[in-house]
Amino acid sequence: MTPTILRQLWSVVETTQSHTLLKLDDASLVQWLLKQTKNKASLDGDETNVLTNYIESRLTLIRDLAQQR
Protein backbone atom coordinates (compact mmCIF):
# COMPACT_ATOMS: atom_id res chain seq x y z
CA MET A 1 0.00 0.00 0.00
CA THR A 2 1.37 3.36 -0.99
CA PRO A 3 1.63 6.42 1.26
CA THR A 4 -0.78 8.19 -1.10
CA ILE A 5 -3.48 5.60 -0.48
CA LEU A 6 -2.95 5.86 3.28
CA ARG A 7 -3.24 9.64 3.11
CA GLN A 8 -6.44 9.32 1.08
CA LEU A 9 -7.96 6.94 3.63
CA TRP A 10 -7.12 9.13 6.61
CA SER A 11 -8.34 12.19 4.74
CA VAL A 12 -11.69 10.43 4.28
CA VAL A 13 -11.78 9.58 8.00
CA GLU A 14 -10.97 13.16 9.02
CA THR A 15 -13.45 14.83 6.68
CA THR A 16 -16.35 12.48 7.34
CA GLN A 17 -18.86 13.56 9.95
CA SER A 18 -18.47 11.67 13.22
CA HIS A 19 -22.01 10.34 13.31
CA THR A 20 -21.49 8.68 9.92
CA LEU A 21 -18.44 6.78 11.19
CA LEU A 22 -20.11 5.83 14.46
CA LYS A 23 -23.50 4.67 13.17
CA LEU A 24 -22.18 1.96 10.82
CA ASP A 25 -21.40 -1.57 11.98
CA ASP A 26 -17.86 -2.86 11.41
CA ALA A 27 -18.45 -4.51 8.03
CA SER A 28 -20.43 -1.55 6.69
CA LEU A 29 -17.82 0.92 7.91
CA VAL A 30 -15.00 -1.00 6.23
CA GLN A 31 -16.92 -1.11 2.94
CA TRP A 32 -17.93 2.54 3.17
CA LEU A 33 -14.36 3.72 3.84
CA LEU A 34 -13.04 1.46 1.08
CA LYS A 35 -15.55 2.89 -1.41
CA GLN A 36 -14.78 6.49 -0.44
CA THR A 37 -11.04 5.88 -0.73
CA LYS A 38 -11.47 4.17 -4.11
CA ASN A 39 -13.30 7.29 -5.32
CA LYS A 40 -10.12 9.28 -4.66
CA ALA A 41 -7.48 6.73 -5.66
CA SER A 42 -7.44 3.96 -8.22
CA LEU A 43 -6.84 0.61 -6.48
CA ASP A 44 -6.07 -2.77 -7.98
CA GLY A 45 -7.24 -6.04 -6.41
CA ASP A 46 -4.18 -6.52 -4.20
CA GLU A 47 -4.29 -2.93 -2.95
CA THR A 48 -7.99 -3.31 -2.19
CA ASN A 49 -7.31 -6.43 -0.10
CA VAL A 50 -4.45 -4.80 1.77
CA LEU A 51 -6.49 -1.66 2.42
CA THR A 52 -9.45 -3.73 3.63
CA ASN A 53 -7.21 -5.53 6.13
CA TYR A 54 -5.65 -2.24 7.21
CA ILE A 55 -9.04 -0.62 7.81
CA GLU A 56 -10.24 -3.66 9.75
CA SER A 57 -7.18 -3.45 11.99
CA ARG A 58 -7.77 0.28 12.64
CA LEU A 59 -11.52 0.31 13.30
CA THR A 60 -11.08 1.00 17.02
CA LEU A 61 -8.79 3.94 16.28
CA ILE A 62 -11.17 5.29 13.64
CA ARG A 63 -14.11 5.14 16.05
CA ASP A 64 -12.05 6.70 18.86
CA LEU A 65 -11.07 9.59 16.62
CA ALA A 66 -14.69 10.09 15.57
CA GLN A 67 -15.88 10.11 19.20
CA GLN A 68 -13.29 12.72 20.16
CA ARG A 69 -14.60 15.20 17.59
PDB file of N, CA and C in Angstrom:
ATOM      1  N   MET A   1       0.849  -1.175   0.000  1.00  0.00           N
ATOM      2  CA  MET A   1       0.000   0.000   0.000  1.00  0.00           C
ATOM      3  C   MET A   1       0.896   1.240   0.000  1.00  0.00           C
ATOM      4  N   THR A   2       0.546   2.170  -0.841  1.00  0.00           N
ATOM      5  CA  THR A   2       1.367   3.363  -0.993  1.00  0.00           C
ATOM      6  C   THR A   2       1.007   4.420   0.061  1.00  0.00           C
ATOM      7  N   PRO A   3       1.936   5.313   0.345  1.00  0.00           N
ATOM      8  CA  PRO A   3       1.627   6.415   1.259  1.00  0.00           C
ATOM      9  C   PRO A   3       0.461   7.271   0.773  1.00  0.00           C
ATOM     10  N   THR A   4       0.328   7.399  -0.533  1.00  0.00           N
ATOM     11  CA  THR A   4      -0.776   8.188  -1.096  1.00  0.00           C
ATOM     12  C   THR A   4      -2.125   7.576  -0.731  1.00  0.00           C
ATOM     13  N   ILE A   5      -2.229   6.269  -0.828  1.00  0.00           N
ATOM     14  CA  ILE A   5      -3.483   5.597  -0.483  1.00  0.00           C
ATOM     15  C   ILE A   5      -3.779   5.778   1.006  1.00  0.00           C
ATOM     16  N   LEU A   6      -2.756   5.649   1.837  1.00  0.00           N
ATOM     17  CA  LEU A   6      -2.955   5.861   3.278  1.00  0.00           C
ATOM     18  C   LEU A   6      -3.431   7.277   3.572  1.00  0.00           C
ATOM     19  N   ARG A   7      -2.816   8.244   2.911  1.00  0.00           N
ATOM     20  CA  ARG A   7      -3.240   9.635   3.111  1.00  0.00           C
ATOM     21  C   ARG A   7      -4.686   9.830   2.674  1.00  0.00           C
ATOM     22  N   GLN A   8      -5.062   9.202   1.558  1.00  0.00           N
ATOM     23  CA  GLN A   8      -6.443   9.320   1.079  1.00  0.00           C
ATOM     24  C   GLN A   8      -7.421   8.741   2.103  1.00  0.00           C
ATOM     25  N   LEU A   9      -7.087   7.566   2.636  1.00  0.00           N
ATOM     26  CA  LEU A   9      -7.958   6.942   3.634  1.00  0.00           C
ATOM     27  C   LEU A   9      -8.130   7.842   4.845  1.00  0.00           C
ATOM     28  N   TRP A  10      -7.022   8.316   5.402  1.00  0.00           N
ATOM     29  CA  TRP A  10      -7.121   9.134   6.612  1.00  0.00           C
ATOM     30  C   TRP A  10      -7.751  10.484   6.325  1.00  0.00           C
ATOM     31  N   SER A  11      -7.629  10.970   5.119  1.00  0.00           N
ATOM     32  CA  SER A  11      -8.339  12.191   4.737  1.00  0.00           C
ATOM     33  C   SER A  11      -9.846  11.952   4.756  1.00  0.00           C
ATOM     34  N   VAL A  12     -10.263  10.798   4.248  1.00  0.00           N
ATOM     35  CA  VAL A  12     -11.687  10.433   4.279  1.00  0.00           C
ATOM     36  C   VAL A  12     -12.171  10.364   5.728  1.00  0.00           C
ATOM     37  N   VAL A  13     -11.392   9.710   6.584  1.00  0.00           N
ATOM     38  CA  VAL A  13     -11.776   9.577   7.997  1.00  0.00           C
ATOM     39  C   VAL A  13     -11.920  10.959   8.635  1.00  0.00           C
ATOM     40  N   GLU A  14     -10.964  11.837   8.383  1.00  0.00           N
ATOM     41  CA  GLU A  14     -10.972  13.157   9.016  1.00  0.00           C
ATOM     42  C   GLU A  14     -12.081  14.070   8.498  1.00  0.00           C
ATOM     43  N   THR A  15     -12.449  13.916   7.247  1.00  0.00           N
ATOM     44  CA  THR A  15     -13.446  14.827   6.676  1.00  0.00           C
ATOM     45  C   THR A  15     -14.877  14.300   6.769  1.00  0.00           C
ATOM     46  N   THR A  16     -15.023  13.070   7.205  1.00  0.00           N
ATOM     47  CA  THR A  16     -16.354  12.481   7.341  1.00  0.00           C
ATOM     48  C   THR A  16     -16.940  12.876   8.689  1.00  0.00           C
ATOM     49  N   GLN A  17     -18.210  13.199   8.692  1.00  0.00           N
ATOM     50  CA  GLN A  17     -18.855  13.561   9.945  1.00  0.00           C
ATOM     51  C   GLN A  17     -18.826  12.380  10.911  1.00  0.00           C
ATOM     52  N   SER A  18     -18.625  12.694  12.186  1.00  0.00           N
ATOM     53  CA  SER A  18     -18.468  11.667  13.216  1.00  0.00           C
ATOM     54  C   SER A  18     -19.638  10.700  13.261  1.00  0.00           C
ATOM     55  N   HIS A  19     -20.845  11.228  13.181  1.00  0.00           N
ATOM     56  CA  HIS A  19     -22.008  10.337  13.313  1.00  0.00           C
ATOM     57  C   HIS A  19     -22.053   9.296  12.195  1.00  0.00           C
ATOM     58  N   THR A  20     -21.534   9.638  11.023  1.00  0.00           N
ATOM     59  CA  THR A  20     -21.487   8.675   9.923  1.00  0.00           C
ATOM     60  C   THR A  20     -20.563   7.518  10.269  1.00  0.00           C
ATOM     61  N   LEU A  21     -19.410   7.824  10.829  1.00  0.00           N
ATOM     62  CA  LEU A  21     -18.443   6.785  11.186  1.00  0.00           C
ATOM     63  C   LEU A  21     -18.929   5.932  12.349  1.00  0.00           C
ATOM     64  N   LEU A  22     -19.691   6.539  13.248  1.00  0.00           N
ATOM     65  CA  LEU A  22     -20.111   5.831  14.463  1.00  0.00           C
ATOM     66  C   LEU A  22     -21.383   5.013  14.278  1.00  0.00           C
ATOM     67  N   LYS A  23     -22.209   5.367  13.306  1.00  0.00           N
ATOM     68  CA  LYS A  23     -23.497   4.666  13.166  1.00  0.00           C
ATOM     69  C   LYS A  23     -23.390   3.340  12.413  1.00  0.00           C
ATOM     70  N   LEU A  24     -22.318   3.172  11.629  1.00  0.00           N
ATOM     71  CA  LEU A  24     -22.179   1.961  10.818  1.00  0.00           C
ATOM     72  C   LEU A  24     -21.584   0.816  11.632  1.00  0.00           C
ATOM     73  N   ASP A  25     -22.042  -0.417  11.348  1.00  0.00           N
ATOM     74  CA  ASP A  25     -21.401  -1.574  11.978  1.00  0.00           C
ATOM     75  C   ASP A  25     -20.039  -1.785  11.323  1.00  0.00           C
ATOM     76  N   ASP A  26     -19.241  -2.674  11.870  1.00  0.00           N
ATOM     77  CA  ASP A  26     -17.861  -2.857  11.407  1.00  0.00           C
ATOM     78  C   ASP A  26     -17.778  -3.147   9.910  1.00  0.00           C
ATOM     79  N   ALA A  27     -18.527  -4.125   9.446  1.00  0.00           N
ATOM     80  CA  ALA A  27     -18.452  -4.511   8.029  1.00  0.00           C
ATOM     81  C   ALA A  27     -18.885  -3.362   7.120  1.00  0.00           C
ATOM     82  N   SER A  28     -19.942  -2.673   7.501  1.00  0.00           N
ATOM     83  CA  SER A  28     -20.426  -1.549   6.695  1.00  0.00           C
ATOM     84  C   SER A  28     -19.431  -0.399   6.683  1.00  0.00           C
ATOM     85  N   LEU A  29     -18.803  -0.152   7.830  1.00  0.00           N
ATOM     86  CA  LEU A  29     -17.815   0.922   7.913  1.00  0.00           C
ATOM     87  C   LEU A  29     -16.601   0.611   7.041  1.00  0.00           C
ATOM     88  N   VAL A  30     -16.138  -0.612   7.077  1.00  0.00           N
ATOM     89  CA  VAL A  30     -15.005  -1.005   6.231  1.00  0.00           C
ATOM     90  C   VAL A  30     -15.361  -0.784   4.768  1.00  0.00           C
ATOM     91  N   GLN A  31     -16.518  -1.253   4.338  1.00  0.00           N
ATOM     92  CA  GLN A  31     -16.918  -1.112   2.939  1.00  0.00           C
ATOM     93  C   GLN A  31     -17.113   0.344   2.551  1.00  0.00           C
ATOM     94  N   TRP A  32     -17.689   1.137   3.457  1.00  0.00           N
ATOM     95  CA  TRP A  32     -17.929   2.542   3.167  1.00  0.00           C
ATOM     96  C   TRP A  32     -16.608   3.286   3.006  1.00  0.00           C
ATOM     97  N   LEU A  33     -15.660   3.056   3.927  1.00  0.00           N
ATOM     98  CA  LEU A  33     -14.357   3.716   3.840  1.00  0.00           C
ATOM     99  C   LEU A  33     -13.589   3.264   2.591  1.00  0.00           C
ATOM    100  N   LEU A  34     -13.697   1.990   2.279  1.00  0.00           N
ATOM    101  CA  LEU A  34     -13.044   1.461   1.084  1.00  0.00           C
ATOM    102  C   LEU A  34     -13.604   2.145  -0.166  1.00  0.00           C
ATOM    103  N   LYS A  35     -14.914   2.251  -0.246  1.00  0.00           N
ATOM    104  CA  LYS A  35     -15.550   2.886  -1.405  1.00  0.00           C
ATOM    105  C   LYS A  35     -15.139   4.350  -1.525  1.00  0.00           C
ATOM    106  N   GLN A  36     -15.151   5.075  -0.406  1.00  0.00           N
ATOM    107  CA  GLN A  36     -14.781   6.488  -0.441  1.00  0.00           C
ATOM    108  C   GLN A  36     -13.317   6.670  -0.855  1.00  0.00           C
ATOM    109  N   THR A  37     -12.459   5.796  -0.379  1.00  0.00           N
ATOM    110  CA  THR A  37     -11.037   5.880  -0.735  1.00  0.00           C
ATOM    111  C   THR A  37     -10.837   5.535  -2.205  1.00  0.00           C
ATOM    112  N   LYS A  38     -11.568   4.536  -2.692  1.00  0.00           N
ATOM    113  CA  LYS A  38     -11.472   4.169  -4.112  1.00  0.00           C
ATOM    114  C   LYS A  38     -11.926   5.307  -5.012  1.00  0.00           C
ATOM    115  N   ASN A  39     -12.858   6.140  -4.533  1.00  0.00           N
ATOM    116  CA  ASN A  39     -13.302   7.286  -5.324  1.00  0.00           C
ATOM    117  C   ASN A  39     -12.180   8.302  -5.516  1.00  0.00           C
ATOM    118  N   LYS A  40     -11.221   8.317  -4.590  1.00  0.00           N
ATOM    119  CA  LYS A  40     -10.125   9.279  -4.655  1.00  0.00           C
ATOM    120  C   LYS A  40      -8.854   8.694  -5.253  1.00  0.00           C
ATOM    121  N   ALA A  41      -8.701   7.376  -5.179  1.00  0.00           N
ATOM    122  CA  ALA A  41      -7.479   6.735  -5.665  1.00  0.00           C
ATOM    123  C   ALA A  41      -7.844   5.440  -6.378  1.00  0.00           C
ATOM    124  N   SER A  42      -7.205   5.182  -7.481  1.00  0.00           N
ATOM    125  CA  SER A  42      -7.440   3.955  -8.222  1.00  0.00           C
ATOM    126  C   SER A  42      -6.704   2.805  -7.535  1.00  0.00           C
ATOM    127  N   LEU A  43      -7.429   1.748  -7.191  1.00  0.00           N
ATOM    128  CA  LEU A  43      -6.841   0.612  -6.484  1.00  0.00           C
ATOM    129  C   LEU A  43      -7.005  -0.657  -7.307  1.00  0.00           C
ATOM    130  N   ASP A  44      -5.943  -1.466  -7.346  1.00  0.00           N
ATOM    131  CA  ASP A  44      -6.070  -2.772  -7.982  1.00  0.00           C
ATOM    132  C   ASP A  44      -6.544  -3.782  -6.927  1.00  0.00           C
ATOM    133  N   GLY A  45      -6.716  -5.018  -7.312  1.00  0.00           N
ATOM    134  CA  GLY A  45      -7.245  -6.044  -6.410  1.00  0.00           C
ATOM    135  C   GLY A  45      -6.396  -6.261  -5.172  1.00  0.00           C
ATOM    136  N   ASP A  46      -5.075  -6.319  -5.349  1.00  0.00           N
ATOM    137  CA  ASP A  46      -4.184  -6.519  -4.205  1.00  0.00           C
ATOM    138  C   ASP A  46      -4.240  -5.335  -3.249  1.00  0.00           C
ATOM    139  N   GLU A  47      -4.222  -4.127  -3.788  1.00  0.00           N
ATOM    140  CA  GLU A  47      -4.293  -2.926  -2.948  1.00  0.00           C
ATOM    141  C   GLU A  47      -5.617  -2.869  -2.195  1.00  0.00           C
ATOM    142  N   THR A  48      -6.690  -3.284  -2.840  1.00  0.00           N
ATOM    143  CA  THR A  48      -7.991  -3.311  -2.186  1.00  0.00           C
ATOM    144  C   THR A  48      -7.973  -4.269  -1.004  1.00  0.00           C
ATOM    145  N   ASN A  49      -7.392  -5.447  -1.188  1.00  0.00           N
ATOM    146  CA  ASN A  49      -7.314  -6.425  -0.097  1.00  0.00           C
ATOM    147  C   ASN A  49      -6.458  -5.917   1.050  1.00  0.00           C
ATOM    148  N   VAL A  50      -5.329  -5.331   0.732  1.00  0.00           N
ATOM    149  CA  VAL A  50      -4.446  -4.798   1.772  1.00  0.00           C
ATOM    150  C   VAL A  50      -5.137  -3.661   2.521  1.00  0.00           C
ATOM    151  N   LEU A  51      -5.798  -2.774   1.789  1.00  0.00           N
ATOM    152  CA  LEU A  51      -6.488  -1.660   2.421  1.00  0.00           C
ATOM    153  C   LEU A  51      -7.637  -2.154   3.286  1.00  0.00           C
ATOM    154  N   THR A  52      -8.366  -3.153   2.827  1.00  0.00           N
ATOM    155  CA  THR A  52      -9.450  -3.731   3.631  1.00  0.00           C
ATOM    156  C   THR A  52      -8.905  -4.250   4.948  1.00  0.00           C
ATOM    157  N   ASN A  53      -7.822  -5.007   4.903  1.00  0.00           N
ATOM    158  CA  ASN A  53      -7.212  -5.533   6.128  1.00  0.00           C
ATOM    159  C   ASN A  53      -6.721  -4.409   7.035  1.00  0.00           C
ATOM    160  N   TYR A  54      -6.140  -3.381   6.445  1.00  0.00           N
ATOM    161  CA  TYR A  54      -5.648  -2.238   7.213  1.00  0.00           C
ATOM    162  C   TYR A  54      -6.806  -1.539   7.930  1.00  0.00           C
ATOM    163  N   ILE A  55      -7.880  -1.278   7.200  1.00  0.00           N
ATOM    164  CA  ILE A  55      -9.044  -0.616   7.806  1.00  0.00           C
ATOM    165  C   ILE A  55      -9.589  -1.468   8.942  1.00  0.00           C
ATOM    166  N   GLU A  56      -9.722  -2.767   8.711  1.00  0.00           N
ATOM    167  CA  GLU A  56     -10.242  -3.658   9.755  1.00  0.00           C
ATOM    168  C   GLU A  56      -9.375  -3.601  11.009  1.00  0.00           C
ATOM    169  N   SER A  57      -8.080  -3.481  10.837  1.00  0.00           N
ATOM    170  CA  SER A  57      -7.181  -3.447  11.990  1.00  0.00           C
ATOM    171  C   SER A  57      -7.183  -2.087  12.690  1.00  0.00           C
ATOM    172  N   ARG A  58      -7.758  -1.072  12.064  1.00  0.00           N
ATOM    173  CA  ARG A  58      -7.767   0.278  12.639  1.00  0.00           C
ATOM    174  C   ARG A  58      -9.170   0.767  13.016  1.00  0.00           C
ATOM    175  N   LEU A  59     -10.144  -0.117  13.016  1.00  0.00           N
ATOM    176  CA  LEU A  59     -11.521   0.311  13.304  1.00  0.00           C
ATOM    177  C   LEU A  59     -11.657   0.967  14.675  1.00  0.00           C
ATOM    178  N   THR A  60     -10.993   0.414  15.679  1.00  0.00           N
ATOM    179  CA  THR A  60     -11.076   0.997  17.023  1.00  0.00           C
ATOM    180  C   THR A  60     -10.518   2.410  17.022  1.00  0.00           C
ATOM    181  N   LEU A  61      -9.379   2.611  16.372  1.00  0.00           N
ATOM    182  CA  LEU A  61      -8.793   3.940  16.276  1.00  0.00           C
ATOM    183  C   LEU A  61      -9.700   4.893  15.523  1.00  0.00           C
ATOM    184  N   ILE A  62     -10.271   4.448  14.426  1.00  0.00           N
ATOM    185  CA  ILE A  62     -11.172   5.291  13.637  1.00  0.00           C
ATOM    186  C   ILE A  62     -12.372   5.723  14.468  1.00  0.00           C
ATOM    187  N   ARG A  63     -12.956   4.790  15.193  1.00  0.00           N
ATOM    188  CA  ARG A  63     -14.110   5.136  16.054  1.00  0.00           C
ATOM    189  C   ARG A  63     -13.692   6.060  17.205  1.00  0.00           C
ATOM    190  N   ASP A  64     -12.536   5.831  17.801  1.00  0.00           N
ATOM    191  CA  ASP A  64     -12.045   6.696  18.864  1.00  0.00           C
ATOM    192  C   ASP A  64     -11.857   8.128  18.368  1.00  0.00           C
ATOM    193  N   LEU A  65     -11.263   8.268  17.187  1.00  0.00           N
ATOM    194  CA  LEU A  65     -11.074   9.593  16.616  1.00  0.00           C
ATOM    195  C   LEU A  65     -12.410  10.275  16.348  1.00  0.00           C
ATOM    196  N   ALA A  66     -13.369   9.520  15.856  1.00  0.00           N
ATOM    197  CA  ALA A  66     -14.690  10.090  15.568  1.00  0.00           C
ATOM    198  C   ALA A  66     -15.382  10.530  16.858  1.00  0.00           C
ATOM    199  N   GLN A  67     -15.248   9.759  17.921  1.00  0.00           N
ATOM    200  CA  GLN A  67     -15.876  10.110  19.200  1.00  0.00           C
ATOM    201  C   GLN A  67     -15.254  11.353  19.820  1.00  0.00           C
ATOM    202  N   GLN A  68     -13.982  11.579  19.577  1.00  0.00           N
ATOM    203  CA  GLN A  68     -13.295  12.725  20.159  1.00  0.00           C
ATOM    204  C   GLN A  68     -13.640  14.041  19.472  1.00  0.00           C
ATOM    205  N   ARG A  69     -14.246  13.970  18.299  1.00  0.00           N
ATOM    206  CA  ARG A  69     -14.595  15.200  17.586  1.00  0.00           C
ATOM    207  C   ARG A  69     -15.890  15.780  18.077  1.00  0.00           C
TER     208      ARG A  69
END
